[in-house]
């Protein structure tokens, strides 16, 4: 069992910014129930993601995977674009 490789973490994310070459800033939202209040809470985390071919753009939904550190902030790589953004969604995301 020592030689088995652990499964890399994957997430679905929405691209917030695509200004920097080969780097995307994405948002990953997760829902969970508060243990005491039993209220559904939404947490959002932003990651810097490596996009080698500059395929994704603002508003796109993408799949990311955890990798070794590429820079001070980049520890995730884009696997594929799951869904292209509609123009109106991209404009709304920029205003958040």
PDB file of N, CA and C in Angstrom:
ATOM      1  N   UNK A   1       0.800  -1.199   0.000  1.00  0.00           N
ATOM      2  CA  UNK A   1       0.000   0.000   0.000  1.00  0.00           C
ATOM      3  C   UNK A   1       0.844   1.264   0.000  1.00  0.00           C
ATOM      4  N   UNK A   2       2.071   1.166   0.377  1.00  0.00           N
ATOM      5  CA  UNK A   2       2.931   2.345   0.426  1.00  0.00           C
ATOM      6  C   UNK A   2       3.171   2.937  -0.951  1.00  0.00           C
ATOM      7  N   UNK A   3       3.195   2.103  -1.987  1.00  0.00           N
ATOM      8  CA  UNK A   3       3.480   2.590  -3.329  1.00  0.00           C
ATOM      9  C   UNK A   3       2.272   3.157  -4.056  1.00  0.00           C
ATOM     10  N   UNK A   4       1.068   2.942  -3.508  1.00  0.00           N
ATOM     11  CA  UNK A   4      -0.122   3.483  -4.165  1.00  0.00           C
ATOM     12  C   UNK A   4      -0.107   4.991  -4.116  1.00  0.00           C
ATOM     13  N   UNK A   5      -0.407   5.594  -5.258  1.00  0.00           N
ATOM     14  CA  UNK A   5      -0.440   7.054  -5.315  1.00  0.00           C
ATOM     15  C   UNK A   5      -1.794   7.544  -4.823  1.00  0.00           C
ATOM     16  N   UNK A   6      -1.775   8.564  -4.012  1.00  0.00           N
ATOM     17  CA  UNK A   6      -3.040   9.110  -3.516  1.00  0.00           C
ATOM     18  C   UNK A   6      -3.744   9.871  -4.631  1.00  0.00           C
ATOM     19  N   UNK A   7      -5.048   9.890  -4.566  1.00  0.00           N
ATOM     20  CA  UNK A   7      -5.857  10.560  -5.582  1.00  0.00           C
ATOM     21  C   UNK A   7      -5.711  12.078  -5.437  1.00  0.00           C
ATOM     22  N   UNK A   8      -5.404  12.763  -6.543  1.00  0.00           N
ATOM     23  CA  UNK A   8      -5.270  14.217  -6.518  1.00  0.00           C
ATOM     24  C   UNK A   8      -6.641  14.860  -6.367  1.00  0.00           C
ATOM     25  N   UNK A   9      -6.699  15.972  -5.652  1.00  0.00           N
ATOM     26  CA  UNK A   9      -7.970  16.658  -5.449  1.00  0.00           C
ATOM     27  C   UNK A   9      -8.376  17.404  -6.710  1.00  0.00           C
ATOM     28  N   UNK A  10      -9.646  17.320  -7.052  1.00  0.00           N
ATOM     29  CA  UNK A  10     -10.186  18.067  -8.188  1.00  0.00           C
ATOM     30  C   UNK A  10     -11.351  18.909  -7.707  1.00  0.00           C
ATOM     31  N   UNK A  11     -11.591  20.008  -8.404  1.00  0.00           N
ATOM     32  CA  UNK A  11     -12.680  20.922  -8.073  1.00  0.00           C
ATOM     33  C   UNK A  11     -13.290  21.460  -9.356  1.00  0.00           C
ATOM     34  N   UNK A  12     -14.535  21.917  -9.262  1.00  0.00           N
ATOM     35  CA  UNK A  12     -15.181  22.665 -10.346  1.00  0.00           C
ATOM     36  C   UNK A  12     -15.107  24.122  -9.924  1.00  0.00           C
ATOM     37  N   UNK A  13     -14.720  25.004 -10.849  1.00  0.00           N
ATOM     38  CA  UNK A  13     -14.516  26.406 -10.507  1.00  0.00           C
ATOM     39  C   UNK A  13     -15.026  27.307 -11.621  1.00  0.00           C
ATOM     40  N   UNK A  14     -15.240  28.568 -11.274  1.00  0.00           N
ATOM     41  CA  UNK A  14     -15.647  29.584 -12.240  1.00  0.00           C
ATOM     42  C   UNK A  14     -14.511  30.592 -12.360  1.00  0.00           C
ATOM     43  N   UNK A  15     -14.140  30.930 -13.595  1.00  0.00           N
ATOM     44  CA  UNK A  15     -13.038  31.858 -13.832  1.00  0.00           C
ATOM     45  C   UNK A  15     -13.506  33.282 -13.520  1.00  0.00           C
ATOM     46  N   UNK A  16     -12.775  33.963 -12.639  1.00  0.00           N
ATOM     47  CA  UNK A  16     -13.088  35.346 -12.296  1.00  0.00           C
ATOM     48  C   UNK A  16     -12.262  36.329 -13.126  1.00  0.00           C
ATOM     49  N   UNK A  17     -10.964  36.005 -13.312  1.00  0.00           N
ATOM     50  CA  UNK A  17     -10.065  36.893 -14.048  1.00  0.00           C
ATOM     51  C   UNK A  17      -9.175  36.101 -14.981  1.00  0.00           C
ATOM     52  N   UNK A  18      -8.909  36.672 -16.158  1.00  0.00           N
ATOM     53  CA  UNK A  18      -8.025  36.016 -17.134  1.00  0.00           C
ATOM     54  C   UNK A  18      -7.034  36.999 -17.748  1.00  0.00           C
ATOM     55  N   UNK A  19      -6.608  37.980 -16.992  1.00  0.00           N
ATOM     56  CA  UNK A  19      -5.739  39.038 -17.513  1.00  0.00           C
ATOM     57  C   UNK A  19      -4.283  38.590 -17.677  1.00  0.00           C
ATOM     58  N   UNK A  20      -3.799  37.732 -16.795  1.00  0.00           N
ATOM     59  CA  UNK A  20      -2.398  37.330 -16.807  1.00  0.00           C
ATOM     60  C   UNK A  20      -2.211  36.130 -17.733  1.00  0.00           C
ATOM     61  N   UNK A  21      -1.110  36.123 -18.479  1.00  0.00           N
ATOM     62  CA  UNK A  21      -0.828  35.035 -19.408  1.00  0.00           C
ATOM     63  C   UNK A  21      -0.636  33.716 -18.659  1.00  0.00           C
ATOM     64  N   UNK A  22      -1.371  32.677 -19.074  1.00  0.00           N
ATOM     65  CA  UNK A  22      -1.295  31.324 -18.532  1.00  0.00           C
ATOM     66  C   UNK A  22      -1.730  31.199 -17.073  1.00  0.00           C
ATOM     67  N   UNK A  23      -2.390  32.201 -16.528  1.00  0.00           N
ATOM     68  CA  UNK A  23      -2.874  32.163 -15.152  1.00  0.00           C
ATOM     69  C   UNK A  23      -4.319  32.631 -15.110  1.00  0.00           C
ATOM     70  N   UNK A  24      -5.130  31.923 -14.362  1.00  0.00           N
ATOM     71  CA  UNK A  24      -6.521  32.293 -14.167  1.00  0.00           C
ATOM     72  C   UNK A  24      -6.793  32.367 -12.669  1.00  0.00           C
ATOM     73  N   UNK A  25      -7.588  33.353 -12.268  1.00  0.00           N
ATOM     74  CA  UNK A  25      -8.060  33.424 -10.896  1.00  0.00           C
ATOM     75  C   UNK A  25      -9.466  32.861 -10.906  1.00  0.00           C
ATOM     76  N   UNK A  26      -9.688  31.806 -10.119  1.00  0.00           N
ATOM     77  CA  UNK A  26     -10.972  31.115 -10.132  1.00  0.00           C
ATOM     78  C   UNK A  26     -11.596  31.117  -8.744  1.00  0.00           C
ATOM     79  N   UNK A  27     -12.903  30.897  -8.713  1.00  0.00           N
ATOM     80  CA  UNK A  27     -13.650  30.833  -7.470  1.00  0.00           C
ATOM     81  C   UNK A  27     -14.269  29.457  -7.332  1.00  0.00           C
ATOM     82  N   UNK A  28     -14.048  28.828  -6.169  1.00  0.00           N
ATOM     83  CA  UNK A  28     -14.652  27.532  -5.866  1.00  0.00           C
ATOM     84  C   UNK A  28     -15.616  27.754  -4.704  1.00  0.00           C
ATOM     85  N   UNK A  29     -16.889  27.428  -4.935  1.00  0.00           N
ATOM     86  CA  UNK A  29     -17.918  27.611  -3.907  1.00  0.00           C
ATOM     87  C   UNK A  29     -18.337  26.252  -3.371  1.00  0.00           C
ATOM     88  N   UNK A  30     -18.437  26.150  -2.050  1.00  0.00           N
ATOM     89  CA  UNK A  30     -18.909  24.908  -1.456  1.00  0.00           C
ATOM     90  C   UNK A  30     -20.012  25.224  -0.456  1.00  0.00           C
ATOM     91  N   UNK A  31     -20.971  24.323  -0.374  1.00  0.00           N
ATOM     92  CA  UNK A  31     -22.082  24.452   0.564  1.00  0.00           C
ATOM     93  C   UNK A  31     -21.922  23.404   1.660  1.00  0.00           C
ATOM     94  N   UNK A  32     -22.216  23.798   2.889  1.00  0.00           N
ATOM     95  CA  UNK A  32     -22.212  22.838   3.984  1.00  0.00           C
ATOM     96  C   UNK A  32     -23.187  23.298   5.051  1.00  0.00           C
ATOM     97  N   UNK A  33     -23.612  22.380   5.852  1.00  0.00           N
ATOM     98  CA  UNK A  33     -24.556  22.686   6.926  1.00  0.00           C
ATOM     99  C   UNK A  33     -23.779  22.958   8.209  1.00  0.00           C
ATOM    100  N   UNK A  34     -24.094  24.083   8.849  1.00  0.00           N
ATOM    101  CA  UNK A  34     -23.441  24.435  10.105  1.00  0.00           C
ATOM    102  C   UNK A  34     -23.816  23.396  11.164  1.00  0.00           C
ATOM    103  N   UNK A  35     -22.809  22.871  11.893  1.00  0.00           N
ATOM    104  CA  UNK A  35     -23.083  21.778  12.821  1.00  0.00           C
ATOM    105  C   UNK A  35     -24.047  22.151  13.962  1.00  0.00           C
ATOM    106  N   UNK A  36     -24.001  23.384  14.428  1.00  0.00           N
ATOM    107  CA  UNK A  36     -24.842  23.769  15.558  1.00  0.00           C
ATOM    108  C   UNK A  36     -26.138  24.450  15.112  1.00  0.00           C
ATOM    109  N   UNK A  37     -26.031  25.370  14.159  1.00  0.00           N
ATOM    110  CA  UNK A  37     -27.193  26.145  13.726  1.00  0.00           C
ATOM    111  C   UNK A  37     -28.039  25.428  12.680  1.00  0.00           C
ATOM    112  N   UNK A  38     -27.495  24.389  12.057  1.00  0.00           N
ATOM    113  CA  UNK A  38     -28.180  23.640  10.997  1.00  0.00           C
ATOM    114  C   UNK A  38     -28.593  24.526   9.822  1.00  0.00           C
ATOM    115  N   UNK A  39     -27.847  25.579   9.616  1.00  0.00           N
ATOM    116  CA  UNK A  39     -28.107  26.505   8.519  1.00  0.00           C
ATOM    117  C   UNK A  39     -27.123  26.189   7.385  1.00  0.00           C
ATOM    118  N   UNK A  40     -27.592  26.261   6.142  1.00  0.00           N
ATOM    119  CA  UNK A  40     -26.717  25.994   5.005  1.00  0.00           C
ATOM    120  C   UNK A  40     -25.851  27.233   4.770  1.00  0.00           C
ATOM    121  N   UNK A  41     -24.544  27.020   4.741  1.00  0.00           N
ATOM    122  CA  UNK A  41     -23.590  28.124   4.589  1.00  0.00           C
ATOM    123  C   UNK A  41     -22.819  27.944   3.297  1.00  0.00           C
ATOM    124  N   UNK A  42     -22.580  29.043   2.605  1.00  0.00           N
ATOM    125  CA  UNK A  42     -21.835  29.042   1.349  1.00  0.00           C
ATOM    126  C   UNK A  42     -20.468  29.670   1.604  1.00  0.00           C
ATOM    127  N   UNK A  43     -19.420  28.901   1.342  1.00  0.00           N
ATOM    128  CA  UNK A  43     -18.048  29.395   1.476  1.00  0.00           C
ATOM    129  C   UNK A  43     -17.432  29.492   0.092  1.00  0.00           C
ATOM    130  N   UNK A  44     -16.662  30.549  -0.152  1.00  0.00           N
ATOM    131  CA  UNK A  44     -16.018  30.745  -1.440  1.00  0.00           C
ATOM    132  C   UNK A  44     -14.513  30.913  -1.230  1.00  0.00           C
ATOM    133  N   UNK A  45     -13.738  30.199  -2.056  1.00  0.00           N
ATOM    134  CA  UNK A  45     -12.287  30.282  -1.999  1.00  0.00           C
ATOM    135  C   UNK A  45     -11.780  30.621  -3.387  1.00  0.00           C
ATOM    136  N   UNK A  46     -10.764  31.492  -3.456  1.00  0.00           N
ATOM    137  CA  UNK A  46     -10.176  31.848  -4.743  1.00  0.00           C
ATOM    138  C   UNK A  46      -8.814  31.184  -4.878  1.00  0.00           C
ATOM    139  N   UNK A  47      -8.549  30.635  -6.061  1.00  0.00           N
ATOM    140  CA  UNK A  47      -7.272  29.996  -6.351  1.00  0.00           C
ATOM    141  C   UNK A  47      -6.670  30.590  -7.612  1.00  0.00           C
ATOM    142  N   UNK A  48      -5.339  30.576  -7.681  1.00  0.00           N
ATOM    143  CA  UNK A  48      -4.628  30.896  -8.925  1.00  0.00           C
ATOM    144  C   UNK A  48      -4.390  29.567  -9.633  1.00  0.00           C
ATOM    145  N   UNK A  49      -4.791  29.496 -10.907  1.00  0.00           N
ATOM    146  CA  UNK A  49      -4.766  28.243 -11.665  1.00  0.00           C
ATOM    147  C   UNK A  49      -3.908  28.410 -12.908  1.00  0.00           C
ATOM    148  N   UNK A  50      -3.116  27.380 -13.214  1.00  0.00           N
ATOM    149  CA  UNK A  50      -2.281  27.390 -14.414  1.00  0.00           C
ATOM    150  C   UNK A  50      -3.100  26.905 -15.607  1.00  0.00           C
ATOM    151  N   UNK A  51      -3.142  27.722 -16.679  1.00  0.00           N
ATOM    152  CA  UNK A  51      -3.850  27.388 -17.924  1.00  0.00           C
ATOM    153  C   UNK A  51      -2.841  27.517 -19.062  1.00  0.00           C
ATOM    154  N   UNK A  52      -2.179  26.420 -19.388  1.00  0.00           N
ATOM    155  CA  UNK A  52      -1.061  26.422 -20.336  1.00  0.00           C
ATOM    156  C   UNK A  52      -1.412  27.017 -21.690  1.00  0.00           C
ATOM    157  N   UNK A  53      -2.599  26.707 -22.226  1.00  0.00           N
ATOM    158  CA  UNK A  53      -2.959  27.138 -23.582  1.00  0.00           C
ATOM    159  C   UNK A  53      -3.873  28.355 -23.610  1.00  0.00           C
ATOM    160  N   UNK A  54      -4.107  28.983 -22.480  1.00  0.00           N
ATOM    161  CA  UNK A  54      -5.005  30.150 -22.384  1.00  0.00           C
ATOM    162  C   UNK A  54      -6.377  29.853 -22.990  1.00  0.00           C
ATOM    163  N   UNK A  55      -6.932  28.684 -22.671  1.00  0.00           N
ATOM    164  CA  UNK A  55      -8.214  28.254 -23.232  1.00  0.00           C
ATOM    165  C   UNK A  55      -9.424  28.870 -22.537  1.00  0.00           C
ATOM    166  N   UNK A  56      -9.331  29.105 -21.244  1.00  0.00           N
ATOM    167  CA  UNK A  56     -10.485  29.587 -20.487  1.00  0.00           C
ATOM    168  C   UNK A  56     -10.513  31.107 -20.424  1.00  0.00           C
ATOM    169  N   UNK A  57     -11.727  31.623 -20.232  1.00  0.00           N
ATOM    170  CA  UNK A  57     -11.930  33.071 -20.138  1.00  0.00           C
ATOM    171  C   UNK A  57     -12.921  33.367 -19.021  1.00  0.00           C
ATOM    172  N   UNK A  58     -13.062  34.631 -18.686  1.00  0.00           N
ATOM    173  CA  UNK A  58     -13.917  35.042 -17.585  1.00  0.00           C
ATOM    174  C   UNK A  58     -15.327  34.475 -17.739  1.00  0.00           C
ATOM    175  N   UNK A  59     -15.815  33.876 -16.659  1.00  0.00           N
ATOM    176  CA  UNK A  59     -17.161  33.323 -16.641  1.00  0.00           C
ATOM    177  C   UNK A  59     -17.250  31.851 -16.986  1.00  0.00           C
ATOM    178  N   UNK A  60     -16.195  31.267 -17.543  1.00  0.00           N
ATOM    179  CA  UNK A  60     -16.207  29.847 -17.906  1.00  0.00           C
ATOM    180  C   UNK A  60     -16.185  28.977 -16.649  1.00  0.00           C
ATOM    181  N   UNK A  61     -16.851  27.834 -16.737  1.00  0.00           N
ATOM    182  CA  UNK A  61     -16.795  26.839 -15.666  1.00  0.00           C
ATOM    183  C   UNK A  61     -15.729  25.830 -16.072  1.00  0.00           C
ATOM    184  N   UNK A  62     -14.749  25.594 -15.179  1.00  0.00           N
ATOM    185  CA  UNK A  62     -13.634  24.710 -15.518  1.00  0.00           C
ATOM    186  C   UNK A  62     -13.426  23.670 -14.430  1.00  0.00           C
ATOM    187  N   UNK A  63     -12.696  22.610 -14.771  1.00  0.00           N
ATOM    188  CA  UNK A  63     -12.303  21.592 -13.800  1.00  0.00           C
ATOM    189  C   UNK A  63     -10.810  21.788 -13.526  1.00  0.00           C
ATOM    190  N   UNK A  64     -10.434  21.824 -12.239  1.00  0.00           N
ATOM    191  CA  UNK A  64      -9.039  22.030 -11.860  1.00  0.00           C
ATOM    192  C   UNK A  64      -8.564  20.861 -11.017  1.00  0.00           C
ATOM    193  N   UNK A  65      -7.243  20.653 -11.002  1.00  0.00           N
ATOM    194  CA  UNK A  65      -6.637  19.561 -10.240  1.00  0.00           C
ATOM    195  C   UNK A  65      -5.436  20.114  -9.474  1.00  0.00           C
ATOM    196  N   UNK A  66      -5.232  19.599  -8.276  1.00  0.00           N
ATOM    197  CA  UNK A  66      -4.123  20.049  -7.439  1.00  0.00           C
ATOM    198  C   UNK A  66      -2.813  19.459  -7.948  1.00  0.00           C
ATOM    199  N   UNK A  67      -1.766  20.290  -7.987  1.00  0.00           N
ATOM    200  CA  UNK A  67      -0.449  19.865  -8.474  1.00  0.00           C
ATOM    201  C   UNK A  67       0.638  20.399  -7.547  1.00  0.00           C
ATOM    202  N   UNK A  68       1.878  20.133  -7.903  1.00  0.00           N
ATOM    203  CA  UNK A  68       3.005  20.681  -7.137  1.00  0.00           C
ATOM    204  C   UNK A  68       3.021  22.210  -7.306  1.00  0.00           C
ATOM    205  N   UNK A  69       3.637  22.941  -6.400  1.00  0.00           N
ATOM    206  CA  UNK A  69       3.689  24.395  -6.526  1.00  0.00           C
ATOM    207  C   UNK A  69       4.432  24.841  -7.791  1.00  0.00           C
ATOM    208  N   UNK A  70       3.804  25.703  -8.574  1.00  0.00           N
ATOM    209  CA  UNK A  70       4.440  26.259  -9.772  1.00  0.00           C
ATOM    210  C   UNK A  70       4.989  27.661  -9.511  1.00  0.00           C
ATOM    211  N   UNK A  71       4.402  28.360  -8.560  1.00  0.00           N
ATOM    212  CA  UNK A  71       4.861  29.691  -8.183  1.00  0.00           C
ATOM    213  C   UNK A  71       4.430  29.920  -6.734  1.00  0.00           C
ATOM    214  N   UNK A  72       4.524  31.153  -6.283  1.00  0.00           N
ATOM    215  CA  UNK A  72       4.157  31.439  -4.898  1.00  0.00           C
ATOM    216  C   UNK A  72       2.680  31.148  -4.628  1.00  0.00           C
ATOM    217  N   UNK A  73       1.816  31.388  -5.626  1.00  0.00           N
ATOM    218  CA  UNK A  73       0.382  31.211  -5.422  1.00  0.00           C
ATOM    219  C   UNK A  73      -0.241  30.069  -6.224  1.00  0.00           C
ATOM    220  N   UNK A  74       0.397  29.631  -7.299  1.00  0.00           N
ATOM    221  CA  UNK A  74      -0.215  28.627  -8.169  1.00  0.00           C
ATOM    222  C   UNK A  74       0.080  27.200  -7.712  1.00  0.00           C
ATOM    223  N   UNK A  75      -1.015  26.500  -7.328  1.00  0.00           N
ATOM    224  CA  UNK A  75      -0.912  25.099  -6.925  1.00  0.00           C
ATOM    225  C   UNK A  75      -2.003  24.259  -7.577  1.00  0.00           C
ATOM    226  N   UNK A  76      -2.657  24.810  -8.589  1.00  0.00           N
ATOM    227  CA  UNK A  76      -3.725  24.131  -9.302  1.00  0.00           C
ATOM    228  C   UNK A  76      -3.504  24.273 -10.797  1.00  0.00           C
ATOM    229  N   UNK A  77      -3.968  23.266 -11.568  1.00  0.00           N
ATOM    230  CA  UNK A  77      -3.857  23.289 -13.029  1.00  0.00           C
ATOM    231  C   UNK A  77      -5.230  23.022 -13.623  1.00  0.00           C
ATOM    232  N   UNK A  78      -5.538  23.710 -14.719  1.00  0.00           N
ATOM    233  CA  UNK A  78      -6.805  23.501 -15.390  1.00  0.00           C
ATOM    234  C   UNK A  78      -6.765  22.190 -16.164  1.00  0.00           C
ATOM    235  N   UNK A  79      -7.810  21.356 -16.005  1.00  0.00           N
ATOM    236  CA  UNK A  79      -7.897  20.093 -16.725  1.00  0.00           C
ATOM    237  C   UNK A  79      -8.682  20.300 -18.016  1.00  0.00           C
ATOM    238  N   UNK A  80      -9.881  20.899 -17.905  1.00  0.00           N
ATOM    239  CA  UNK A  80     -10.684  21.156 -19.100  1.00  0.00           C
ATOM    240  C   UNK A  80     -11.742  22.206 -18.818  1.00  0.00           C
ATOM    241  N   UNK A  81     -12.251  22.790 -19.900  1.00  0.00           N
ATOM    242  CA  UNK A  81     -13.352  23.735 -19.799  1.00  0.00           C
ATOM    243  C   UNK A  81     -14.636  22.916 -19.824  1.00  0.00           C
ATOM    244  N   UNK A  82     -15.403  22.990 -18.752  1.00  0.00           N
ATOM    245  CA  UNK A  82     -16.637  22.220 -18.648  1.00  0.00           C
ATOM    246  C   UNK A  82     -17.763  22.918 -19.395  1.00  0.00           C
ATOM    247  N   UNK A  83     -17.843  24.246 -19.241  1.00  0.00           N
ATOM    248  CA  UNK A  83     -18.934  25.006 -19.851  1.00  0.00           C
ATOM    249  C   UNK A  83     -18.450  26.419 -20.180  1.00  0.00           C
ATOM    250  N   UNK A  84     -18.657  26.837 -21.413  1.00  0.00           N
ATOM    251  CA  UNK A  84     -18.293  28.198 -21.820  1.00  0.00           C
ATOM    252  C   UNK A  84     -19.300  29.182 -21.245  1.00  0.00           C
ATOM    253  N   UNK A  85     -18.852  30.387 -20.943  1.00  0.00           N
ATOM    254  CA  UNK A  85     -19.726  31.400 -20.350  1.00  0.00           C
ATOM    255  C   UNK A  85     -20.542  32.109 -21.418  1.00  0.00           C
ATOM    256  N   UNK A  86     -21.741  32.484 -21.006  1.00  0.00           N
ATOM    257  CA  UNK A  86     -22.527  33.391 -21.832  1.00  0.00           C
ATOM    258  C   UNK A  86     -22.022  34.787 -21.505  1.00  0.00           C
ATOM    259  N   UNK A  87     -22.135  35.692 -22.438  1.00  0.00           N
ATOM    260  CA  UNK A  87     -21.584  37.040 -22.252  1.00  0.00           C
ATOM    261  C   UNK A  87     -22.165  37.718 -21.014  1.00  0.00           C
ATOM    262  N   UNK A  88     -23.459  37.597 -20.780  1.00  0.00           N
ATOM    263  CA  UNK A  88     -24.099  38.258 -19.650  1.00  0.00           C
ATOM    264  C   UNK A  88     -23.592  37.733 -18.301  1.00  0.00           C
ATOM    265  N   UNK A  89     -23.302  36.421 -18.223  1.00  0.00           N
ATOM    266  CA  UNK A  89     -22.769  35.846 -16.981  1.00  0.00           C
ATOM    267  C   UNK A  89     -21.382  36.404 -16.687  1.00  0.00           C
ATOM    268  N   UNK A  90     -20.563  36.562 -17.714  1.00  0.00           N
ATOM    269  CA  UNK A  90     -19.206  37.078 -17.513  1.00  0.00           C
ATOM    270  C   UNK A  90     -19.239  38.508 -16.983  1.00  0.00           C
ATOM    271  N   UNK A  91     -20.144  39.314 -17.473  1.00  0.00           N
ATOM    272  CA  UNK A  91     -20.263  40.704 -17.010  1.00  0.00           C
ATOM    273  C   UNK A  91     -20.701  40.718 -15.551  1.00  0.00           C
ATOM    274  N   UNK A  92     -21.639  39.872 -15.182  1.00  0.00           N
ATOM    275  CA  UNK A  92     -22.105  39.817 -13.781  1.00  0.00           C
ATOM    276  C   UNK A  92     -21.007  39.356 -12.841  1.00  0.00           C
ATOM    277  N   UNK A  93     -20.185  38.401 -13.264  1.00  0.00           N
ATOM    278  CA  UNK A  93     -19.104  37.900 -12.410  1.00  0.00           C
ATOM    279  C   UNK A  93     -18.066  38.974 -12.139  1.00  0.00           C
ATOM    280  N   UNK A  94     -17.786  39.816 -13.118  1.00  0.00           N
ATOM    281  CA  UNK A  94     -16.789  40.873 -12.923  1.00  0.00           C
ATOM    282  C   UNK A  94     -17.242  41.897 -11.889  1.00  0.00           C
ATOM    283  N   UNK A  95     -18.551  42.099 -11.758  1.00  0.00           N
ATOM    284  CA  UNK A  95     -19.071  43.113 -10.834  1.00  0.00           C
ATOM    285  C   UNK A  95     -19.069  42.661  -9.384  1.00  0.00           C
ATOM    286  N   UNK A  96     -18.845  41.367  -9.124  1.00  0.00           N
ATOM    287  CA  UNK A  96     -18.875  40.865  -7.737  1.00  0.00           C
ATOM    288  C   UNK A  96     -17.700  41.326  -6.948  1.00  0.00           C
TER     289      UNK A  96
END
